[in-house]
């Protein structure tokens, strides 16, 4: 089994659970649509509308569940450390890591000797 960036075993996201969830939801939507679209007990079941509802419900629920699985996956720790352009803002002087810290006292940058006044 592969190891994750933290050193522990990597957990694999299976596609079986979202597929089963989507199939069950699609069947419920298809059966409900076939029954409610008939318009009464004397009418025939609307298999065409039921199949359309099955397809739409399956695709929509599979899309939503896969997006939820992708957002749950955390980023590896090594992605937040870098150099140059991809540096962590906490390590930049004056960056986000310095918010709330006291600033050092300002010193006079211009300590160079000044030329004598020629009019004196």
PDB file of N, CA and C in Angstrom:
ATOM      1  N   UNK A   1       0.850  -1.180   0.000  1.00  0.00           N
ATOM      2  CA  UNK A   1       0.000   0.000   0.000  1.00  0.00           C
ATOM      3  C   UNK A   1       0.891   1.237   0.000  1.00  0.00           C
ATOM      4  N   UNK A   2       0.514   2.222  -0.735  1.00  0.00           N
ATOM      5  CA  UNK A   2       1.299   3.450  -0.853  1.00  0.00           C
ATOM      6  C   UNK A   2       1.201   4.269   0.422  1.00  0.00           C
ATOM      7  N   UNK A   3       2.269   5.029   0.689  1.00  0.00           N
ATOM      8  CA  UNK A   3       2.283   5.902   1.858  1.00  0.00           C
ATOM      9  C   UNK A   3       1.955   7.318   1.438  1.00  0.00           C
ATOM     10  N   UNK A   4       1.259   8.031   2.323  1.00  0.00           N
ATOM     11  CA  UNK A   4       0.930   9.424   2.046  1.00  0.00           C
ATOM     12  C   UNK A   4       2.108  10.304   2.423  1.00  0.00           C
ATOM     13  N   UNK A   5       1.966  11.608   2.230  1.00  0.00           N
ATOM     14  CA  UNK A   5       3.047  12.536   2.536  1.00  0.00           C
ATOM     15  C   UNK A   5       3.324  12.622   4.032  1.00  0.00           C
ATOM     16  N   UNK A   6       2.348  12.230   4.865  1.00  0.00           N
ATOM     17  CA  UNK A   6       2.569  12.257   6.311  1.00  0.00           C
ATOM     18  C   UNK A   6       3.220  10.985   6.807  1.00  0.00           C
ATOM     19  N   UNK A   7       3.416   9.992   5.927  1.00  0.00           N
ATOM     20  CA  UNK A   7       4.085   8.771   6.320  1.00  0.00           C
ATOM     21  C   UNK A   7       3.139   7.625   6.610  1.00  0.00           C
ATOM     22  N   UNK A   8       1.878   7.903   6.835  1.00  0.00           N
ATOM     23  CA  UNK A   8       0.913   6.856   7.126  1.00  0.00           C
ATOM     24  C   UNK A   8       0.395   6.226   5.851  1.00  0.00           C
ATOM     25  N   UNK A   9      -0.363   5.144   5.987  1.00  0.00           N
ATOM     26  CA  UNK A   9      -0.913   4.523   4.780  1.00  0.00           C
ATOM     27  C   UNK A   9      -1.931   5.436   4.108  1.00  0.00           C
ATOM     28  N   UNK A  10      -1.903   5.436   2.799  1.00  0.00           N
ATOM     29  CA  UNK A  10      -2.782   6.308   2.032  1.00  0.00           C
ATOM     30  C   UNK A  10      -4.167   5.676   1.921  1.00  0.00           C
ATOM     31  N   UNK A  11      -5.194   6.455   2.222  1.00  0.00           N
ATOM     32  CA  UNK A  11      -6.570   5.983   2.124  1.00  0.00           C
ATOM     33  C   UNK A  11      -7.062   6.213   0.709  1.00  0.00           C
ATOM     34  N   UNK A  12      -7.569   5.172   0.098  1.00  0.00           N
ATOM     35  CA  UNK A  12      -8.048   5.292  -1.279  1.00  0.00           C
ATOM     36  C   UNK A  12      -9.538   5.579  -1.271  1.00  0.00           C
ATOM     37  N   UNK A  13      -9.931   6.502  -2.114  1.00  0.00           N
ATOM     38  CA  UNK A  13     -11.348   6.794  -2.283  1.00  0.00           C
ATOM     39  C   UNK A  13     -11.899   5.847  -3.326  1.00  0.00           C
ATOM     40  N   UNK A  14     -12.834   5.016  -2.938  1.00  0.00           N
ATOM     41  CA  UNK A  14     -13.430   4.059  -3.845  1.00  0.00           C
ATOM     42  C   UNK A  14     -14.578   4.710  -4.607  1.00  0.00           C
ATOM     43  N   UNK A  15     -14.805   4.242  -5.819  1.00  0.00           N
ATOM     44  CA  UNK A  15     -15.912   4.763  -6.610  1.00  0.00           C
ATOM     45  C   UNK A  15     -17.176   3.938  -6.408  1.00  0.00           C
ATOM     46  N   UNK A  16     -17.069   2.860  -5.628  1.00  0.00           N
ATOM     47  CA  UNK A  16     -18.215   1.975  -5.449  1.00  0.00           C
ATOM     48  C   UNK A  16     -19.348   2.655  -4.683  1.00  0.00           C
ATOM     49  N   UNK A  17     -19.040   3.348  -3.608  1.00  0.00           N
ATOM     50  CA  UNK A  17     -20.082   3.984  -2.794  1.00  0.00           C
ATOM     51  C   UNK A  17     -20.845   5.067  -3.562  1.00  0.00           C
ATOM     52  N   UNK A  18     -20.169   6.007  -4.252  1.00  0.00           N
ATOM     53  CA  UNK A  18     -20.935   7.007  -5.015  1.00  0.00           C
ATOM     54  C   UNK A  18     -21.764   6.392  -6.148  1.00  0.00           C
ATOM     55  N   UNK A  19     -21.262   5.309  -6.772  1.00  0.00           N
ATOM     56  CA  UNK A  19     -22.025   4.669  -7.844  1.00  0.00           C
ATOM     57  C   UNK A  19     -23.282   4.001  -7.312  1.00  0.00           C
ATOM     58  N   UNK A  20     -23.165   3.317  -6.187  1.00  0.00           N
ATOM     59  CA  UNK A  20     -24.329   2.660  -5.591  1.00  0.00           C
ATOM     60  C   UNK A  20     -25.340   3.706  -5.131  1.00  0.00           C
ATOM     61  N   UNK A  21     -24.856   4.767  -4.483  1.00  0.00           N
ATOM     62  CA  UNK A  21     -25.747   5.840  -4.032  1.00  0.00           C
ATOM     63  C   UNK A  21     -26.479   6.466  -5.217  1.00  0.00           C
ATOM     64  N   UNK A  22     -25.758   6.725  -6.298  1.00  0.00           N
ATOM     65  CA  UNK A  22     -26.374   7.343  -7.474  1.00  0.00           C
ATOM     66  C   UNK A  22     -27.378   6.408  -8.134  1.00  0.00           C
ATOM     67  N   UNK A  23     -27.071   5.117  -8.190  1.00  0.00           N
ATOM     68  CA  UNK A  23     -27.986   4.155  -8.805  1.00  0.00           C
ATOM     69  C   UNK A  23     -29.279   4.032  -8.006  1.00  0.00           C
ATOM     70  N   UNK A  24     -29.171   3.966  -6.682  1.00  0.00           N
ATOM     71  CA  UNK A  24     -30.361   3.859  -5.839  1.00  0.00           C
ATOM     72  C   UNK A  24     -31.218   5.118  -5.965  1.00  0.00           C
ATOM     73  N   UNK A  25     -30.580   6.270  -5.925  1.00  0.00           N
ATOM     74  CA  UNK A  25     -31.318   7.529  -6.062  1.00  0.00           C
ATOM     75  C   UNK A  25     -31.982   7.639  -7.439  1.00  0.00           C
ATOM     76  N   UNK A  26     -31.296   7.170  -8.467  1.00  0.00           N
ATOM     77  CA  UNK A  26     -31.860   7.212  -9.815  1.00  0.00           C
ATOM     78  C   UNK A  26     -33.060   6.284  -9.938  1.00  0.00           C
ATOM     79  N   UNK A  27     -32.985   5.097  -9.341  1.00  0.00           N
ATOM     80  CA  UNK A  27     -34.128   4.181  -9.384  1.00  0.00           C
ATOM     81  C   UNK A  27     -35.341   4.755  -8.663  1.00  0.00           C
ATOM     82  N   UNK A  28     -35.107   5.360  -7.523  1.00  0.00           N
ATOM     83  CA  UNK A  28     -36.218   5.978  -6.780  1.00  0.00           C
ATOM     84  C   UNK A  28     -36.847   7.103  -7.601  1.00  0.00           C
ATOM     85  N   UNK A  29     -36.009   7.929  -8.216  1.00  0.00           N
ATOM     86  CA  UNK A  29     -36.525   9.036  -9.032  1.00  0.00           C
ATOM     87  C   UNK A  29     -37.278   8.511 -10.254  1.00  0.00           C
ATOM     88  N   UNK A  30     -36.769   7.445 -10.886  1.00  0.00           N
ATOM     89  CA  UNK A  30     -37.427   6.886 -12.058  1.00  0.00           C
ATOM     90  C   UNK A  30     -38.771   6.257 -11.729  1.00  0.00           C
ATOM     91  N   UNK A  31     -38.833   5.489 -10.649  1.00  0.00           N
ATOM     92  CA  UNK A  31     -40.098   4.857 -10.249  1.00  0.00           C
ATOM     93  C   UNK A  31     -41.125   5.919  -9.857  1.00  0.00           C
ATOM     94  N   UNK A  32     -40.675   6.904  -9.104  1.00  0.00           N
ATOM     95  CA  UNK A  32     -41.595   7.969  -8.684  1.00  0.00           C
ATOM     96  C   UNK A  32     -42.116   8.744  -9.895  1.00  0.00           C
ATOM     97  N   UNK A  33     -41.257   9.015 -10.862  1.00  0.00           N
ATOM     98  CA  UNK A  33     -41.684   9.747 -12.055  1.00  0.00           C
ATOM     99  C   UNK A  33     -42.658   8.918 -12.883  1.00  0.00           C
ATOM    100  N   UNK A  34     -42.384   7.609 -13.035  1.00  0.00           N
ATOM    101  CA  UNK A  34     -43.308   6.758 -13.806  1.00  0.00           C
ATOM    102  C   UNK A  34     -44.691   6.718 -13.173  1.00  0.00           C
ATOM    103  N   UNK A  35     -44.742   6.645 -11.855  1.00  0.00           N
ATOM    104  CA  UNK A  35     -46.033   6.539 -11.170  1.00  0.00           C
ATOM    105  C   UNK A  35     -46.778   7.868 -11.207  1.00  0.00           C
ATOM    106  N   UNK A  36     -46.087   8.953 -10.877  1.00  0.00           N
ATOM    107  CA  UNK A  36     -46.774  10.242 -10.761  1.00  0.00           C
ATOM    108  C   UNK A  36     -47.084  10.877 -12.110  1.00  0.00           C
ATOM    109  N   UNK A  37     -46.403  10.446 -13.183  1.00  0.00           N
ATOM    110  CA  UNK A  37     -46.646  11.034 -14.498  1.00  0.00           C
ATOM    111  C   UNK A  37     -47.761  10.324 -15.265  1.00  0.00           C
ATOM    112  N   UNK A  38     -48.333   9.255 -14.693  1.00  0.00           N
ATOM    113  CA  UNK A  38     -49.370   8.518 -15.422  1.00  0.00           C
ATOM    114  C   UNK A  38     -50.658   9.313 -15.512  1.00  0.00           C
ATOM    115  N   UNK A  39     -51.043   9.989 -14.472  1.00  0.00           N
ATOM    116  CA  UNK A  39     -52.264  10.779 -14.505  1.00  0.00           C
ATOM    117  C   UNK A  39     -53.490  10.014 -14.050  1.00  0.00           C
ATOM    118  N   UNK A  40     -53.315   8.853 -13.496  1.00  0.00           N
ATOM    119  CA  UNK A  40     -54.463   8.097 -12.993  1.00  0.00           C
ATOM    120  C   UNK A  40     -54.243   6.607 -13.143  1.00  0.00           C
ATOM    121  N   UNK A  41     -55.149   5.798 -12.557  1.00  0.00           N
ATOM    122  CA  UNK A  41     -55.001   4.348 -12.554  1.00  0.00           C
ATOM    123  C   UNK A  41     -55.329   3.739 -13.913  1.00  0.00           C
ATOM    124  N   UNK A  42     -56.120   4.409 -14.716  1.00  0.00           N
ATOM    125  CA  UNK A  42     -56.515   3.858 -16.010  1.00  0.00           C
ATOM    126  C   UNK A  42     -55.454   4.087 -17.088  1.00  0.00           C
ATOM    127  N   UNK A  43     -54.497   4.948 -16.837  1.00  0.00           N
ATOM    128  CA  UNK A  43     -53.473   5.287 -17.830  1.00  0.00           C
ATOM    129  C   UNK A  43     -52.305   4.291 -17.746  1.00  0.00           C
ATOM    130  N   UNK A  44     -51.528   4.214 -18.821  1.00  0.00           N
ATOM    131  CA  UNK A  44     -50.328   3.373 -18.829  1.00  0.00           C
ATOM    132  C   UNK A  44     -49.189   4.103 -18.125  1.00  0.00           C
ATOM    133  N   UNK A  45     -48.242   3.312 -17.600  1.00  0.00           N
ATOM    134  CA  UNK A  45     -47.062   3.904 -16.967  1.00  0.00           C
ATOM    135  C   UNK A  45     -46.227   4.628 -18.021  1.00  0.00           C
ATOM    136  N   UNK A  46     -45.645   5.752 -17.637  1.00  0.00           N
ATOM    137  CA  UNK A  46     -44.824   6.549 -18.562  1.00  0.00           C
ATOM    138  C   UNK A  46     -43.362   6.127 -18.420  1.00  0.00           C
ATOM    139  N   UNK A  47     -42.986   5.046 -19.147  1.00  0.00           N
ATOM    140  CA  UNK A  47     -41.619   4.540 -19.080  1.00  0.00           C
ATOM    141  C   UNK A  47     -40.626   5.531 -19.683  1.00  0.00           C
ATOM    142  N   UNK A  48     -41.078   6.287 -20.668  1.00  0.00           N
ATOM    143  CA  UNK A  48     -40.173   7.249 -21.295  1.00  0.00           C
ATOM    144  C   UNK A  48     -39.744   8.329 -20.306  1.00  0.00           C
ATOM    145  N   UNK A  49     -40.700   8.870 -19.570  1.00  0.00           N
ATOM    146  CA  UNK A  49     -40.347   9.895 -18.566  1.00  0.00           C
ATOM    147  C   UNK A  49     -39.564   9.278 -17.410  1.00  0.00           C
ATOM    148  N   UNK A  50     -39.860   8.036 -17.077  1.00  0.00           N
ATOM    149  CA  UNK A  50     -39.120   7.350 -16.018  1.00  0.00           C
ATOM    150  C   UNK A  50     -37.656   7.160 -16.373  1.00  0.00           C
ATOM    151  N   UNK A  51     -37.396   6.769 -17.624  1.00  0.00           N
ATOM    152  CA  UNK A  51     -36.004   6.587 -18.051  1.00  0.00           C
ATOM    153  C   UNK A  51     -35.254   7.921 -18.116  1.00  0.00           C
ATOM    154  N   UNK A  52     -35.944   8.965 -18.524  1.00  0.00           N
ATOM    155  CA  UNK A  52     -35.312  10.293 -18.531  1.00  0.00           C
ATOM    156  C   UNK A  52     -34.961  10.713 -17.109  1.00  0.00           C
ATOM    157  N   UNK A  53     -35.871  10.476 -16.174  1.00  0.00           N
ATOM    158  CA  UNK A  53     -35.608  10.834 -14.774  1.00  0.00           C
ATOM    159  C   UNK A  53     -34.471  10.006 -14.198  1.00  0.00           C
ATOM    160  N   UNK A  54     -34.391   8.715 -14.585  1.00  0.00           N
ATOM    161  CA  UNK A  54     -33.288   7.866 -14.118  1.00  0.00           C
ATOM    162  C   UNK A  54     -31.951   8.434 -14.596  1.00  0.00           C
ATOM    163  N   UNK A  55     -31.863   8.795 -15.847  1.00  0.00           N
ATOM    164  CA  UNK A  55     -30.610   9.332 -16.387  1.00  0.00           C
ATOM    165  C   UNK A  55     -30.199  10.639 -15.749  1.00  0.00           C
ATOM    166  N   UNK A  56     -31.151  11.544 -15.603  1.00  0.00           N
ATOM    167  CA  UNK A  56     -30.831  12.843 -15.010  1.00  0.00           C
ATOM    168  C   UNK A  56     -30.435  12.693 -13.548  1.00  0.00           C
ATOM    169  N   UNK A  57     -31.184  11.888 -12.801  1.00  0.00           N
ATOM    170  CA  UNK A  57     -30.873  11.717 -11.373  1.00  0.00           C
ATOM    171  C   UNK A  57     -29.537  11.015 -11.178  1.00  0.00           C
ATOM    172  N   UNK A  58     -29.230  10.039 -12.024  1.00  0.00           N
ATOM    173  CA  UNK A  58     -27.953   9.330 -11.893  1.00  0.00           C
ATOM    174  C   UNK A  58     -26.777  10.255 -12.155  1.00  0.00           C
ATOM    175  N   UNK A  59     -26.837  10.998 -13.236  1.00  0.00           N
ATOM    176  CA  UNK A  59     -25.722  11.890 -13.582  1.00  0.00           C
ATOM    177  C   UNK A  59     -25.568  13.004 -12.549  1.00  0.00           C
ATOM    178  N   UNK A  60     -26.670  13.606 -12.134  1.00  0.00           N
ATOM    179  CA  UNK A  60     -26.592  14.715 -11.179  1.00  0.00           C
ATOM    180  C   UNK A  60     -26.077  14.250  -9.821  1.00  0.00           C
ATOM    181  N   UNK A  61     -26.567  13.125  -9.332  1.00  0.00           N
ATOM    182  CA  UNK A  61     -26.112  12.656  -8.015  1.00  0.00           C
ATOM    183  C   UNK A  61     -24.674  12.159  -8.065  1.00  0.00           C
ATOM    184  N   UNK A  62     -24.266  11.559  -9.178  1.00  0.00           N
ATOM    185  CA  UNK A  62     -22.868  11.136  -9.303  1.00  0.00           C
ATOM    186  C   UNK A  62     -21.937  12.345  -9.356  1.00  0.00           C
ATOM    187  N   UNK A  63     -22.349  13.389 -10.039  1.00  0.00           N
ATOM    188  CA  UNK A  63     -21.549  14.614 -10.101  1.00  0.00           C
ATOM    189  C   UNK A  63     -21.407  15.259  -8.724  1.00  0.00           C
ATOM    190  N   UNK A  64     -22.504  15.370  -8.001  1.00  0.00           N
ATOM    191  CA  UNK A  64     -22.463  15.998  -6.681  1.00  0.00           C
ATOM    192  C   UNK A  64     -21.625  15.169  -5.713  1.00  0.00           C
ATOM    193  N   UNK A  65     -21.798  13.858  -5.714  1.00  0.00           N
ATOM    194  CA  UNK A  65     -21.034  13.037  -4.775  1.00  0.00           C
ATOM    195  C   UNK A  65     -19.546  13.031  -5.115  1.00  0.00           C
ATOM    196  N   UNK A  66     -19.193  13.055  -6.396  1.00  0.00           N
ATOM    197  CA  UNK A  66     -17.776  13.096  -6.743  1.00  0.00           C
ATOM    198  C   UNK A  66     -17.152  14.441  -6.386  1.00  0.00           C
ATOM    199  N   UNK A  67     -17.891  15.530  -6.530  1.00  0.00           N
ATOM    200  CA  UNK A  67     -17.361  16.836  -6.121  1.00  0.00           C
ATOM    201  C   UNK A  67     -17.178  16.903  -4.607  1.00  0.00           C
ATOM    202  N   UNK A  68     -18.094  16.304  -3.874  1.00  0.00           N
ATOM    203  CA  UNK A  68     -17.941  16.275  -2.416  1.00  0.00           C
ATOM    204  C   UNK A  68     -16.741  15.442  -1.997  1.00  0.00           C
ATOM    205  N   UNK A  69     -16.457  14.345  -2.698  1.00  0.00           N
ATOM    206  CA  UNK A  69     -15.275  13.540  -2.385  1.00  0.00           C
ATOM    207  C   UNK A  69     -13.996  14.299  -2.694  1.00  0.00           C
ATOM    208  N   UNK A  70     -13.997  15.093  -3.762  1.00  0.00           N
ATOM    209  CA  UNK A  70     -12.792  15.849  -4.108  1.00  0.00           C
ATOM    210  C   UNK A  70     -12.525  16.967  -3.106  1.00  0.00           C
ATOM    211  N   UNK A  71     -13.559  17.603  -2.604  1.00  0.00           N
ATOM    212  CA  UNK A  71     -13.332  18.696  -1.652  1.00  0.00           C
ATOM    213  C   UNK A  71     -12.919  18.182  -0.294  1.00  0.00           C
ATOM    214  N   UNK A  72     -13.192  16.934   0.023  1.00  0.00           N
ATOM    215  CA  UNK A  72     -12.832  16.363   1.321  1.00  0.00           C
ATOM    216  C   UNK A  72     -11.350  16.034   1.396  1.00  0.00           C
ATOM    217  N   UNK A  73     -10.710  15.808   0.267  1.00  0.00           N
ATOM    218  CA  UNK A  73      -9.315  15.373   0.249  1.00  0.00           C
ATOM    219  C   UNK A  73      -8.386  16.531   0.639  1.00  0.00           C
ATOM    220  N   UNK A  74      -7.630  16.392   1.733  1.00  0.00           N
ATOM    221  CA  UNK A  74      -6.731  17.481   2.143  1.00  0.00           C
ATOM    222  C   UNK A  74      -5.478  17.530   1.269  1.00  0.00           C
ATOM    223  N   UNK A  75      -4.891  18.707   1.170  1.00  0.00           N
ATOM    224  CA  UNK A  75      -3.639  18.863   0.434  1.00  0.00           C
ATOM    225  C   UNK A  75      -2.479  18.320   1.256  1.00  0.00           C
ATOM    226  N   UNK A  76      -1.465  17.750   0.618  1.00  0.00           N
ATOM    227  CA  UNK A  76      -0.275  17.307   1.350  1.00  0.00           C
ATOM    228  C   UNK A  76       0.447  18.495   1.974  1.00  0.00           C
ATOM    229  N   UNK A  77       1.131  18.248   3.073  1.00  0.00           N
ATOM    230  CA  UNK A  77       1.799  19.321   3.826  1.00  0.00           C
ATOM    231  C   UNK A  77       2.930  19.950   3.021  1.00  0.00           C
ATOM    232  N   UNK A  78       3.607  19.171   2.187  1.00  0.00           N
ATOM    233  CA  UNK A  78       4.757  19.725   1.467  1.00  0.00           C
ATOM    234  C   UNK A  78       4.351  20.761   0.424  1.00  0.00           C
ATOM    235  N   UNK A  79       3.073  20.851   0.071  1.00  0.00           N
ATOM    236  CA  UNK A  79       2.649  21.846  -0.909  1.00  0.00           C
ATOM    237  C   UNK A  79       2.651  23.264  -0.348  1.00  0.00           C
ATOM    238  N   UNK A  80       2.576  23.408   0.972  1.00  0.00           N
ATOM    239  CA  UNK A  80       2.548  24.749   1.549  1.00  0.00           C
ATOM    240  C   UNK A  80       3.938  25.293   1.820  1.00  0.00           C
ATOM    241  N   UNK A  81       4.970  24.513   1.556  1.00  0.00           N
ATOM    242  CA  UNK A  81       6.333  24.975   1.780  1.00  0.00           C
ATOM    243  C   UNK A  81       6.993  25.146   0.419  1.00  0.00           C
ATOM    244  N   UNK A  82       7.693  26.237   0.253  1.00  0.00           N
ATOM    245  CA  UNK A  82       8.326  26.466  -1.036  1.00  0.00           C
ATOM    246  C   UNK A  82       9.329  27.585  -0.943  1.00  0.00           C
ATOM    247  N   UNK A  83       9.844  27.957  -2.070  1.00  0.00           N
ATOM    248  CA  UNK A  83      10.805  29.049  -2.117  1.00  0.00           C
ATOM    249  C   UNK A  83      10.470  29.901  -3.336  1.00  0.00           C
ATOM    250  N   UNK A  84      10.961  31.107  -3.336  1.00  0.00           N
ATOM    251  CA  UNK A  84      10.728  31.998  -4.466  1.00  0.00           C
ATOM    252  C   UNK A  84       9.287  32.457  -4.520  1.00  0.00           C
ATOM    253  N   UNK A  85       8.669  32.268  -5.661  1.00  0.00           N
ATOM    254  CA  UNK A  85       7.311  32.735  -5.867  1.00  0.00           C
ATOM    255  C   UNK A  85       6.340  31.984  -4.960  1.00  0.00           C
ATOM    256  N   UNK A  86       6.599  30.729  -4.707  1.00  0.00           N
ATOM    257  CA  UNK A  86       5.689  29.887  -3.943  1.00  0.00           C
ATOM    258  C   UNK A  86       6.057  29.830  -2.457  1.00  0.00           C
ATOM    259  N   UNK A  87       6.652  30.863  -1.956  1.00  0.00           N
ATOM    260  CA  UNK A  87       7.049  30.919  -0.562  1.00  0.00           C
ATOM    261  C   UNK A  87       5.847  31.062   0.340  1.00  0.00           C
ATOM    262  N   UNK A  88       5.951  30.550   1.534  1.00  0.00           N
ATOM    263  CA  UNK A  88       4.890  30.713   2.521  1.00  0.00           C
ATOM    264  C   UNK A  88       4.881  32.163   2.985  1.00  0.00           C
ATOM    265  N   UNK A  89       3.709  32.789   3.031  1.00  0.00           N
ATOM    266  CA  UNK A  89       3.637  34.200   3.396  1.00  0.00           C
ATOM    267  C   UNK A  89       3.992  34.430   4.858  1.00  0.00           C
ATOM    268  N   UNK A  90       3.980  33.380   5.682  1.00  0.00           N
ATOM    269  CA  UNK A  90       4.349  33.535   7.080  1.00  0.00           C
ATOM    270  C   UNK A  90       5.843  33.784   7.232  1.00  0.00           C
ATOM    271  N   UNK A  91       6.641  33.372   6.244  1.00  0.00           N
ATOM    272  CA  UNK A  91       8.093  33.525   6.339  1.00  0.00           C
ATOM    273  C   UNK A  91       8.599  34.801   5.671  1.00  0.00           C
ATOM    274  N   UNK A  92       7.724  35.539   5.005  1.00  0.00           N
ATOM    275  CA  UNK A  92       8.121  36.764   4.324  1.00  0.00           C
ATOM    276  C   UNK A  92       8.128  37.906   5.336  1.00  0.00           C
ATOM    277  N   UNK A  93       9.193  38.710   5.401  1.00  0.00           N
ATOM    278  CA  UNK A  93       9.181  39.856   6.310  1.00  0.00           C
ATOM    279  C   UNK A  93       8.045  40.809   5.954  1.00  0.00           C
ATOM    280  N   UNK A  94       7.203  41.093   6.920  1.00  0.00           N
ATOM    281  CA  UNK A  94       6.057  41.944   6.686  1.00  0.00           C
ATOM    282  C   UNK A  94       4.878  41.199   6.091  1.00  0.00           C
ATOM    283  N   UNK A  95       4.981  39.874   5.978  1.00  0.00           N
ATOM    284  CA  UNK A  95       3.912  39.077   5.386  1.00  0.00           C
ATOM    285  C   UNK A  95       2.861  38.721   6.415  1.00  0.00           C
ATOM    286  N   UNK A  96       2.038  37.738   6.080  1.00  0.00           N
ATOM    287  CA  UNK A  96       0.913  37.359   6.925  1.00  0.00           C
ATOM    288  C   UNK A  96       1.361  36.780   8.265  1.00  0.00           C
ATOM    289  N   UNK A  97       2.550  36.235   8.335  1.00  0.00           N
ATOM    290  CA  UNK A  97       3.034  35.672   9.595  1.00  0.00           C
ATOM    291  C   UNK A  97       3.398  36.724  10.620  1.00  0.00           C
ATOM    292  N   UNK A  98       3.500  37.970  10.211  1.00  0.00           N
ATOM    293  CA  UNK A  98       3.890  39.043  11.113  1.00  0.00           C
ATOM    294  C   UNK A  98       2.718  39.892  11.580  1.00  0.00           C
ATOM    295  N   UNK A  99       1.519  39.501  11.232  1.00  0.00           N
ATOM    296  CA  UNK A  99       0.347  40.263  11.636  1.00  0.00           C
ATOM    297  C   UNK A  99       0.173  40.137  13.146  1.00  0.00           C
ATOM    298  N   UNK A 100       0.059  41.264  13.812  1.00  0.00           N
ATOM    299  CA  UNK A 100      -0.139  41.278  15.251  1.00  0.00           C
ATOM    300  C   UNK A 100       1.143  41.302  16.054  1.00  0.00           C
ATOM    301  N   UNK A 101       2.294  41.133  15.418  1.00  0.00           N
ATOM    302  CA  UNK A 101       3.568  41.193  16.126  1.00  0.00           C
ATOM    303  C   UNK A 101       4.008  42.644  16.221  1.00  0.00           C
ATOM    304  N   UNK A 102       4.681  43.005  17.299  1.00  0.00           N
ATOM    305  CA  UNK A 102       5.152  44.393  17.399  1.00  0.00           C
ATOM    306  C   UNK A 102       6.223  44.670  16.353  1.00  0.00           C
ATOM    307  N   UNK A 103       6.190  45.857  15.793  1.00  0.00           N
ATOM    308  CA  UNK A 103       7.189  46.241  14.793  1.00  0.00           C
ATOM    309  C   UNK A 103       8.421  46.780  15.502  1.00  0.00           C
ATOM    310  N   UNK A 104       9.594  46.540  14.950  1.00  0.00           N
ATOM    311  CA  UNK A 104      10.809  47.076  15.576  1.00  0.00           C
ATOM    312  C   UNK A 104      10.825  48.599  15.488  1.00  0.00           C
ATOM    313  N   UNK A 105      11.468  49.262  16.447  1.00  0.00           N
ATOM    314  CA  UNK A 105      11.499  50.729  16.415  1.00  0.00           C
ATOM    315  C   UNK A 105      12.224  51.229  15.169  1.00  0.00           C
ATOM    316  N   UNK A 106      11.721  52.302  14.620  1.00  0.00           N
ATOM    317  CA  UNK A 106      12.313  52.872  13.410  1.00  0.00           C
ATOM    318  C   UNK A 106      13.625  53.562  13.761  1.00  0.00           C
ATOM    319  N   UNK A 107      14.625  53.331  12.957  1.00  0.00           N
ATOM    320  CA  UNK A 107      15.931  53.987  13.149  1.00  0.00           C
ATOM    321  C   UNK A 107      16.133  54.981  12.020  1.00  0.00           C
ATOM    322  N   UNK A 108      16.960  55.976  12.279  1.00  0.00           N
ATOM    323  CA  UNK A 108      17.257  56.974  11.266  1.00  0.00           C
ATOM    324  C   UNK A 108      18.174  56.345  10.231  1.00  0.00           C
ATOM    325  N   UNK A 109      17.694  56.190   9.029  1.00  0.00           N
ATOM    326  CA  UNK A 109      18.455  55.549   7.968  1.00  0.00           C
ATOM    327  C   UNK A 109      19.576  56.446   7.439  1.00  0.00           C
ATOM    328  N   UNK A 110      19.430  57.743   7.615  1.00  0.00           N
ATOM    329  CA  UNK A 110      20.381  58.678   7.022  1.00  0.00           C
ATOM    330  C   UNK A 110      21.374  59.152   8.086  1.00  0.00           C
ATOM    331  N   UNK A 111      22.330  58.285   8.462  1.00  0.00           N
ATOM    332  CA  UNK A 111      23.341  58.627   9.469  1.00  0.00           C
ATOM    333  C   UNK A 111      24.640  59.117   8.821  1.00  0.00           C
ATOM    334  N   UNK A 112      24.630  59.329   7.518  1.00  0.00           N
ATOM    335  CA  UNK A 112      25.852  59.766   6.839  1.00  0.00           C
ATOM    336  C   UNK A 112      26.156  61.227   7.212  1.00  0.00           C
ATOM    337  N   UNK A 113      27.431  61.582   7.236  1.00  0.00           N
ATOM    338  CA  UNK A 113      27.784  62.985   7.570  1.00  0.00           C
ATOM    339  C   UNK A 113      27.314  63.931   6.472  1.00  0.00           C
ATOM    340  N   UNK A 114      26.833  65.062   6.901  1.00  0.00           N
ATOM    341  CA  UNK A 114      26.297  66.035   5.966  1.00  0.00           C
ATOM    342  C   UNK A 114      27.407  67.033   5.596  1.00  0.00           C
ATOM    343  N   UNK A 115      27.367  67.479   4.346  1.00  0.00           N
ATOM    344  CA  UNK A 115      28.403  68.463   3.964  1.00  0.00           C
ATOM    345  C   UNK A 115      28.184  69.795   4.703  1.00  0.00           C
ATOM    346  N   UNK A 116      29.258  70.468   4.915  1.00  0.00           N
ATOM    347  CA  UNK A 116      29.186  71.744   5.630  1.00  0.00           C
ATOM    348  C   UNK A 116      28.457  72.758   4.758  1.00  0.00           C
ATOM    349  N   UNK A 117      27.794  73.677   5.462  1.00  0.00           N
ATOM    350  CA  UNK A 117      27.035  74.700   4.767  1.00  0.00           C
ATOM    351  C   UNK A 117      28.014  75.723   4.191  1.00  0.00           C
ATOM    352  N   UNK A 118      28.069  75.924   2.858  1.00  0.00           N
ATOM    353  CA  UNK A 118      29.052  76.851   2.286  1.00  0.00           C
ATOM    354  C   UNK A 118      28.767  78.316   2.631  1.00  0.00           C
ATOM    355  N   UNK A 119      27.568  78.661   3.073  1.00  0.00           N
ATOM    356  CA  UNK A 119      27.263  80.049   3.368  1.00  0.00           C
ATOM    357  C   UNK A 119      27.723  80.430   4.773  1.00  0.00           C
ATOM    358  N   UNK A 120      28.049  79.478   5.587  1.00  0.00           N
ATOM    359  CA  UNK A 120      28.439  79.815   6.961  1.00  0.00           C
ATOM    360  C   UNK A 120      29.862  80.219   7.083  1.00  0.00           C
TER     361      UNK A 120
END
